[in-house]
Amino acid sequence: MFKRNITSLSSMRLLMVIINFLIIFFYSSVFLLGTKYIIDNNLSRDFLDKINYIPRNPLFIFFWSLILYYILIFIIYNYPEKIKENRILNLLYSLFELIICFLIIITLYMGYNGIILLVFCDTVYRIQKDKSLNWVIGILVVIYLLGSYEVFSNFLNMPNPIVYFEIFQSAPRGVLYLIKNLAETINIIVFVLFMIIYLVDQLQENERINQELNMINQVNRDLENYATITEKIGESNERKRLARELHDTLGHALTGIAAGIDACLAMIDTNPSATKQQLGVVSKVVRQGIGDVRNSLNKLRPGALEEKGLKGAIEKMILEFSSVSDIEIELNYKLENIDFDITKEDIIFRIIQESITNALRHGRATHISIALSMIEQSLVLIIQDNGEGCSHIQYGFGLKQMKERVGIINGEVEFNGECGFKIQVRVPLMRGEIYD
């Protein structure tokens, strides 16, 4: 549809080029033949009485107007490609067309200004996507409205072009006026058709852009839903894996312990020494079970925490987020004299991870600040982003998980969505976790 409209605009412009050539040829021929008619019929005195200024040589008018029109058409159809991307050169190119157009109008004694409509159409055709188009169109409209003999005869010395039509007798004069009015009317009609096609094209283009934007928004919503579903599936799979691990380790250990204790109960009265040996076996099973459970839980701990500690793990996570997005994350870490237990480290790390994810996915933030410090024997974590925020906080899965995790370590968490989104966590520290 878009290509078809461009072809229609090009066809309308070509038609205007042909019509304007015929009109300019008609006017210059009237001046040339009118002058010959005046000489042949000895009407020079009457003609000079009707005009205020001596006209130029009609041959000059004839050839000069056609030469200028040829230059204008050459400019229109030889538009350099390198100018298209330069706004200033585009404006200068349109200004040059306008100057040539104005010279043609002056050459014809301001008798015909419809050629401005051709320059108007060519300007629209060339720079229809440029915001400067409004300025160019405004200038062309002003020139078209003021470009008449009645206006410019007050500033320029020129004869009235209507006199060349009036010197003929009534029959040929009527034919000339008929041709003049018909040609100029056709030119205006073609111009109106050009503008209608252009406006329809713009409406279709805007509709197409809106459809593409709606499609992009739909894709974004689908991706968000897919990410949420994937997250839920991942959580479900992790729960199943953990359940299997605990079933295989803790379940096996508890079953063995139960069987051992039953055996001890059965023989404690008759064979105390054998009971003692059996309790030793049960003790080993208990220790083995504790080790298996610990190993299963350690698999849930991020590897970066094991390798780099809390600060190094946070810095690594920030680097990973920054490398795949345009977000800027600022870390202010002031916990150099604190030795966390594993549970607190895990929870703090997960809260920061979830906060950055939410700021990117939901808040569309571009900057996040993370501050960790110790205030009055408590760890204070403040995460602030510049995202969209929210007037009413809805506790989804992520925020509920934060509250539950902070509750595990006897901490408190507050959310504020007024200016971006802010999360403040306060966790009491044990005496053994703080050292000099």
Foldseek 3Di string as FASTA:
>chain_A
DLVVLLVLLVVLLVVLLVLVLVLLLLLLVLLVVLVVVCVVVVVVVVLVVQWDDDADDSVCLNVVLNVLSVVLVCLLVCPDPVQLVPPVSLVVSLVVSVVSLLVSCVSSLLDDNLVLLSSLSSSCSRPVVDPCNVVSNVVSVVCSVQSHNVRCVVPDPHTDSVSSLVVDDPVVSVVSVVVNVVSSVVSVVSSVVSVVSSVVSVVVVVVVVVVVVVVVVVVLVVVLVVVVVVVVVVVVVLVVVLVVLCCVQVVVLVVLLVVLVVVLVVCCVPDVVVSVVSVVVNVVSVVRSVVSNVVSVVVVADPQCVVPNLVRSVVVLQVVVVVVDQAAEAEAEAPPQFADDRLVSRLVSLLVVLVVVCCVSPFVFRYKYWYWHDDPQKIKIKIFTQGPFDPDDDDDPSNVVNQVSLVVQPKDWDWDRPGNIMIMIIGHHDPVGGDD
